[in-house]
């Protein structure tokens, strides 16, 4: 199985589709809207915000410090729509072509059906983690080089919070650490978990259809309509003021932008419940993928 997995990873990670997915993800990150505080200026994408504003403005508001600007890079609503495509594009077409060309028979003869299926499953998760980690580490490096440190902000909020910039609104509530590397790592890992589930969704569909275009397109369409549906629940709250649970489950972009805040602050659930939810979702998708692939590989 190790050789099969190594071969799958090589075909998926060291490929043009992976590079294109990374480029598209970077475009989405830098196109995230950024509010210019106390002005009537329309929101700028982060890339334009960097070009049209200067350090004088950035130092006045804690929101424009490097680590908070890094966190803002997860807040693009279109990430939730395109993430299944970005993760599946480097691997699902490869797997579909492999099956449709009957090349899978040689692999199955060497490794067996179960190991062959498990290799594909692990490969999608690895691609998701590699893609998210690569792009957001690059973005984090840019933020750390360009934007000021939160400790040097002139924002009155910093003094009000006793210099604890990491307690800015709901930011970092559940890690509660001033360590920037830990915050960056936690945000990347959390988003990679969500991206993995998005990729597994497309993988499960590929076992059903064996059509690479359908497998990558259907999740995007579903998440787009879910995003439209979720808007009606965005400001709906229950008696305790917790945001309607349906908003979180419908809008994939909210999961990517901050599992901790949405699951814990707004839904009132413990953080471990969030990761249990994604673990169960991954297990269900694996079961679907395995069921259909076992049937196909008997042919």
Protein backbone atom coordinates (compact mmCIF):
# COMPACT_ATOMS: atom_id res chain seq x y z
CA UNK A 1 0.00 0.00 0.00
CA UNK A 2 2.88 2.36 0.75
CA UNK A 3 4.10 2.20 -2.83
CA UNK A 4 0.58 2.78 -4.14
CA UNK A 5 0.08 5.75 -1.85
CA UNK A 6 3.48 7.17 -2.78
CA UNK A 7 2.60 6.85 -6.45
CA UNK A 8 -0.79 8.52 -5.96
CA UNK A 9 0.75 11.39 -4.01
CA UNK A 10 3.42 11.91 -6.63
CA UNK A 11 0.83 12.08 -9.42
CA UNK A 12 -1.40 14.49 -7.48
CA UNK A 13 1.00 16.79 -5.65
CA UNK A 14 3.68 17.21 -8.33
CA UNK A 15 1.30 18.13 -11.09
CA UNK A 16 -0.02 21.10 -13.04
CA UNK A 17 -3.56 20.77 -11.54
CA UNK A 18 -2.16 21.10 -8.02
CA UNK A 19 -0.24 24.21 -9.06
CA UNK A 20 -3.38 25.69 -10.66
CA UNK A 21 -5.40 24.94 -7.53
CA UNK A 22 -2.78 26.70 -5.43
CA UNK A 23 -2.82 29.74 -7.72
CA UNK A 24 -6.63 29.93 -7.65
CA UNK A 25 -6.66 29.59 -3.86
CA UNK A 26 -4.14 32.43 -3.54
CA UNK A 27 -6.35 34.58 -5.80
CA UNK A 28 -9.36 33.85 -3.58
CA UNK A 29 -7.38 34.68 -0.45
CA UNK A 30 -6.19 38.03 -1.78
CA UNK A 31 -9.64 38.89 -3.12
CA UNK A 32 -11.19 38.69 0.36
CA UNK A 33 -12.97 42.02 1.08
CA UNK A 34 -11.27 44.27 3.60
CA UNK A 35 -13.25 47.04 5.33
CA UNK A 36 -11.62 50.45 5.61
CA UNK A 37 -12.73 51.69 9.03
CA UNK A 38 -14.36 55.12 9.52
CA UNK A 39 -14.55 55.94 5.82
CA UNK A 40 -17.13 55.78 3.06
CA UNK A 41 -14.66 53.99 0.81
CA UNK A 42 -15.97 50.71 -0.63
CA UNK A 43 -14.40 47.52 0.64
CA UNK A 44 -11.11 46.69 -1.03
CA UNK A 45 -9.86 43.18 -1.77
CA UNK A 46 -6.83 42.46 0.41
CA UNK A 47 -4.48 42.78 -2.58
CA UNK A 48 -5.86 46.23 -3.46
CA UNK A 49 -5.96 47.20 0.20
CA UNK A 50 -2.22 46.60 0.44
CA UNK A 51 -1.57 48.73 -2.65
CA UNK A 52 -3.91 51.65 -1.87
CA UNK A 53 -3.34 52.11 1.87
CA UNK A 54 -0.21 52.59 3.94
CA UNK A 55 1.32 51.67 7.27
CA UNK A 56 -0.02 54.82 8.93
CA UNK A 57 -3.57 53.51 8.61
CA UNK A 58 -2.57 49.96 9.55
CA UNK A 59 -1.00 51.07 12.81
CA UNK A 60 -4.12 52.94 13.89
CA UNK A 61 -6.34 49.86 14.04
CA UNK A 62 -5.66 46.50 15.62
CA UNK A 63 -7.73 44.91 12.87
CA UNK A 64 -4.94 45.63 10.38
CA UNK A 65 -2.15 43.96 12.36
CA UNK A 66 -0.36 41.07 10.72
CA UNK A 67 -1.94 38.15 12.57
CA UNK A 68 -5.49 39.51 12.28
CA UNK A 69 -5.03 40.23 8.58
CA UNK A 70 -3.86 36.63 8.23
CA UNK A 71 -7.05 35.49 9.93
CA UNK A 72 -9.07 37.65 7.53
CA UNK A 73 -7.74 35.59 4.63
CA UNK A 74 -10.10 32.77 5.60
CA UNK A 75 -13.22 34.93 5.38
CA UNK A 76 -13.88 34.97 1.64
CA UNK A 77 -17.37 33.55 1.11
CA UNK A 78 -16.35 32.04 -2.22
CA UNK A 79 -13.82 29.78 -0.54
CA UNK A 80 -16.73 27.64 0.62
CA UNK A 81 -18.01 27.28 -2.93
CA UNK A 82 -14.70 26.56 -4.67
CA UNK A 83 -12.95 24.52 -1.97
CA UNK A 84 -14.33 21.12 -3.14
CA UNK A 85 -13.04 21.87 -6.64
CA UNK A 86 -9.66 23.16 -5.43
CA UNK A 87 -8.99 20.04 -3.37
CA UNK A 88 -10.37 17.49 -5.83
CA UNK A 89 -8.92 18.97 -9.04
CA UNK A 90 -5.40 17.54 -8.51
CA UNK A 91 -6.59 14.01 -7.65
CA UNK A 92 -10.16 13.11 -8.69
CA UNK A 93 -9.50 13.44 -12.47
CA UNK A 94 -6.42 11.24 -12.04
CA UNK A 95 -8.42 8.56 -10.22
CA UNK A 96 -11.28 8.68 -12.73
CA UNK A 97 -8.92 8.42 -15.71
CA UNK A 98 -7.12 5.54 -14.02
CA UNK A 99 -10.36 3.63 -13.60
CA UNK A 100 -11.81 4.42 -17.03
CA UNK A 101 -8.59 3.33 -18.75
CA UNK A 102 -8.51 0.04 -16.77
CA UNK A 103 -5.08 0.85 -15.33
CA UNK A 104 -6.51 0.14 -11.89
CA UNK A 105 -6.38 -3.59 -12.53
CA UNK A 106 -2.59 -3.70 -12.26
CA UNK A 107 -2.62 -1.76 -8.98
CA UNK A 108 -5.36 -3.90 -7.46
CA UNK A 109 -3.49 -7.09 -8.38
CA UNK A 110 -0.47 -5.88 -6.40
CA UNK A 111 -2.15 -4.25 -3.39
CA UNK A 112 -5.68 -5.62 -3.15
CA UNK A 113 -8.95 -3.72 -3.34
CA UNK A 114 -9.08 -2.50 0.26
CA UNK A 115 -5.60 -0.99 0.24
CA UNK A 116 -6.18 0.51 -3.20
CA UNK A 117 -9.33 2.28 -1.95
CA UNK A 118 -7.68 3.41 1.29
CA UNK A 119 -4.77 4.87 -0.67
CA UNK A 120 -7.11 7.13 -2.66
CA UNK A 121 -8.88 8.23 0.50
CA UNK A 122 -5.62 9.15 2.26
CA UNK A 123 -4.32 10.87 -0.86
CA UNK A 124 -7.26 13.30 -0.98
CA UNK A 125 -6.74 14.22 2.69
CA UNK A 126 -3.01 14.72 2.07
CA UNK A 127 -3.69 16.94 -0.96
CA UNK A 128 -6.13 19.05 1.09
CA UNK A 129 -3.61 19.56 3.90
CA UNK A 130 -0.78 20.27 1.46
CA UNK A 131 -2.81 22.79 -0.52
CA UNK A 132 -4.12 24.70 2.51
CA UNK A 133 -0.76 24.62 4.29
CA UNK A 134 1.25 25.78 1.27
CA UNK A 135 -1.03 28.68 0.33
CA UNK A 136 -1.71 29.95 3.83
CA UNK A 137 1.94 29.73 4.90
CA UNK A 138 2.81 31.92 1.90
CA UNK A 139 0.01 34.29 2.84
CA UNK A 140 1.12 34.29 6.49
CA UNK A 141 4.69 35.16 5.47
CA UNK A 142 3.41 38.08 3.37
CA UNK A 143 1.24 39.35 6.25
CA UNK A 144 4.10 39.11 8.74
CA UNK A 145 6.41 41.02 6.41
CA UNK A 146 3.99 43.79 5.40
CA UNK A 147 1.58 44.51 8.26
CA UNK A 148 2.61 45.79 11.73
CA UNK A 149 2.74 43.61 14.82
CA UNK A 150 -0.39 43.81 16.99
CA UNK A 151 1.73 44.78 20.00
CA UNK A 152 2.69 48.02 18.21
CA UNK A 153 -0.87 49.01 17.29
CA UNK A 154 -2.09 52.48 18.32
CA UNK A 155 -5.68 51.24 18.56
CA UNK A 156 -7.31 52.22 21.92
CA UNK A 157 -8.78 48.71 22.04
CA UNK A 158 -5.33 47.35 22.76
CA UNK A 159 -5.00 49.44 25.93
CA UNK A 160 -8.56 48.58 26.99
CA UNK A 161 -7.69 44.89 26.82
CA UNK A 162 -4.46 45.29 28.77
CA UNK A 163 -2.31 44.67 25.71
CA UNK A 164 -3.98 41.31 25.06
CA UNK A 165 -4.43 41.71 21.32
CA UNK A 166 -5.32 38.05 20.98
CA UNK A 167 -8.61 38.73 22.78
CA UNK A 168 -9.79 40.97 19.94
CA UNK A 169 -13.52 40.30 19.62
CA UNK A 170 -13.99 36.55 18.98
CA UNK A 171 -10.52 36.09 17.58
CA UNK A 172 -8.57 33.22 19.16
CA UNK A 173 -11.00 32.72 22.03
CA UNK A 174 -10.44 28.99 22.21
CA UNK A 175 -6.68 28.90 21.90
CA UNK A 176 -6.09 31.95 24.11
CA UNK A 177 -2.41 32.31 23.30
CA UNK A 178 -0.23 35.23 22.18
CA UNK A 179 1.92 32.84 20.16
CA UNK A 180 1.55 33.76 16.50
CA UNK A 181 2.96 30.46 15.17
CA UNK A 182 0.43 28.52 17.25
CA UNK A 183 -2.44 30.70 16.05
CA UNK A 184 -1.37 30.34 12.42
CA UNK A 185 -0.91 26.58 12.76
CA UNK A 186 -4.30 26.16 14.47
CA UNK A 187 -6.15 28.13 11.78
CA UNK A 188 -4.42 26.21 8.98
CA UNK A 189 -5.12 22.81 10.53
CA UNK A 190 -8.77 23.63 11.20
CA UNK A 191 -9.36 24.84 7.65
CA UNK A 192 -7.46 21.86 6.23
CA UNK A 193 -9.81 19.52 8.09
CA UNK A 194 -12.82 21.24 6.52
CA UNK A 195 -11.13 21.22 3.09
CA UNK A 196 -10.45 17.48 3.45
CA UNK A 197 -14.14 16.78 3.97
CA UNK A 198 -14.93 18.93 0.92
CA UNK A 199 -12.47 16.90 -1.16
CA UNK A 200 -13.85 13.61 0.15
CA UNK A 201 -17.30 14.72 -0.96
CA UNK A 202 -16.04 14.94 -4.54
CA UNK A 203 -14.16 11.65 -4.15
CA UNK A 204 -17.33 9.85 -3.00
CA UNK A 205 -19.20 11.26 -6.00
CA UNK A 206 -16.46 10.04 -8.32
CA UNK A 207 -17.04 6.47 -7.13
CA UNK A 208 -20.70 6.83 -8.05
CA UNK A 209 -20.33 8.56 -11.42
CA UNK A 210 -16.72 7.94 -12.52
CA UNK A 211 -17.03 11.26 -14.32
CA UNK A 212 -14.43 13.80 -13.24
CA UNK A 213 -16.42 16.82 -14.36
CA UNK A 214 -19.61 15.78 -12.57
CA UNK A 215 -17.70 14.81 -9.43
CA UNK A 216 -16.02 18.21 -9.16
CA UNK A 217 -18.97 20.29 -10.36
CA UNK A 218 -21.82 18.95 -8.24
CA UNK A 219 -20.27 19.92 -4.85
CA UNK A 220 -19.68 23.46 -6.11
CA UNK A 221 -23.28 23.80 -7.25
CA UNK A 222 -24.61 22.36 -3.98
CA UNK A 223 -22.48 24.64 -1.81
CA UNK A 224 -23.43 27.65 -3.92
CA UNK A 225 -27.14 27.05 -3.38
CA UNK A 226 -26.53 26.28 0.29
CA UNK A 227 -24.77 29.64 0.59
CA UNK A 228 -27.82 31.40 -0.84
CA UNK A 229 -30.13 29.42 1.43
CA UNK A 230 -28.01 30.24 4.50
CA UNK A 231 -28.42 33.99 4.09
CA UNK A 232 -31.99 33.80 5.41
CA UNK A 233 -30.66 32.34 8.67
CA UNK A 234 -27.64 34.61 9.12
CA UNK A 235 -29.29 36.92 11.63
CA UNK A 236 -31.83 34.48 13.02
CA UNK A 237 -31.22 33.80 16.69
CA UNK A 238 -32.89 31.76 19.33
CA UNK A 239 -33.92 32.98 22.76
CA UNK A 240 -30.37 32.80 24.10
CA UNK A 241 -29.00 34.81 21.20
CA UNK A 242 -27.23 31.94 19.51
CA UNK A 243 -27.19 32.10 15.73
CA UNK A 244 -29.50 29.62 14.02
CA UNK A 245 -27.73 26.28 13.70
CA UNK A 246 -28.94 25.90 10.12
CA UNK A 247 -26.74 28.84 9.10
CA UNK A 248 -23.57 26.95 10.02
CA UNK A 249 -24.58 23.67 8.43
CA UNK A 250 -25.75 25.33 5.21
CA UNK A 251 -22.89 27.75 4.58
CA UNK A 252 -19.60 25.97 3.91
CA UNK A 253 -17.67 29.27 3.91
CA UNK A 254 -18.50 29.75 7.60
CA UNK A 255 -16.86 26.44 8.45
CA UNK A 256 -13.70 27.42 6.62
CA UNK A 257 -13.56 30.94 8.10
CA UNK A 258 -13.71 29.75 11.70
CA UNK A 259 -14.96 26.48 13.11
CA UNK A 260 -14.15 27.59 16.64
CA UNK A 261 -16.26 30.74 16.60
CA UNK A 262 -19.22 29.36 14.71
CA UNK A 263 -19.48 26.07 16.58
CA UNK A 264 -18.71 27.40 20.04
CA UNK A 265 -19.66 31.08 20.25
CA UNK A 266 -22.70 31.09 18.00
CA UNK A 267 -24.01 27.54 18.27
CA UNK A 268 -23.12 26.93 21.91
CA UNK A 269 -21.43 23.58 21.23
CA UNK A 270 -18.08 22.44 22.72
CA UNK A 271 -15.09 22.55 20.39
CA UNK A 272 -14.58 18.77 20.45
CA UNK A 273 -18.08 18.42 19.01
CA UNK A 274 -16.96 20.31 15.91
CA UNK A 275 -14.10 17.92 15.24
CA UNK A 276 -16.32 14.93 15.99
CA UNK A 277 -18.75 16.25 13.40
CA UNK A 278 -16.06 16.43 10.72
CA UNK A 279 -14.66 13.02 11.70
CA UNK A 280 -18.12 11.47 11.32
CA UNK A 281 -18.62 13.26 7.99
CA UNK A 282 -15.27 11.90 6.72
CA UNK A 283 -16.17 8.39 7.92
CA UNK A 284 -19.55 8.54 6.17
CA UNK A 285 -17.97 9.71 2.91
CA UNK A 286 -15.34 6.97 3.14
CA UNK A 287 -18.08 4.37 3.65
CA UNK A 288 -19.90 5.61 0.55
CA UNK A 289 -16.69 5.67 -1.51
CA UNK A 290 -15.67 2.21 -0.33
CA UNK A 291 -19.08 0.70 -1.00
CA UNK A 292 -19.26 1.85 -4.62
CA UNK A 293 -15.59 1.21 -5.35
CA UNK A 294 -15.72 -2.34 -4.00
CA UNK A 295 -18.59 -3.02 -6.38
CA UNK A 296 -16.73 -1.45 -9.31
CA UNK A 297 -13.45 -3.24 -8.60
CA UNK A 298 -15.16 -6.64 -8.72
CA UNK A 299 -15.80 -6.18 -12.43
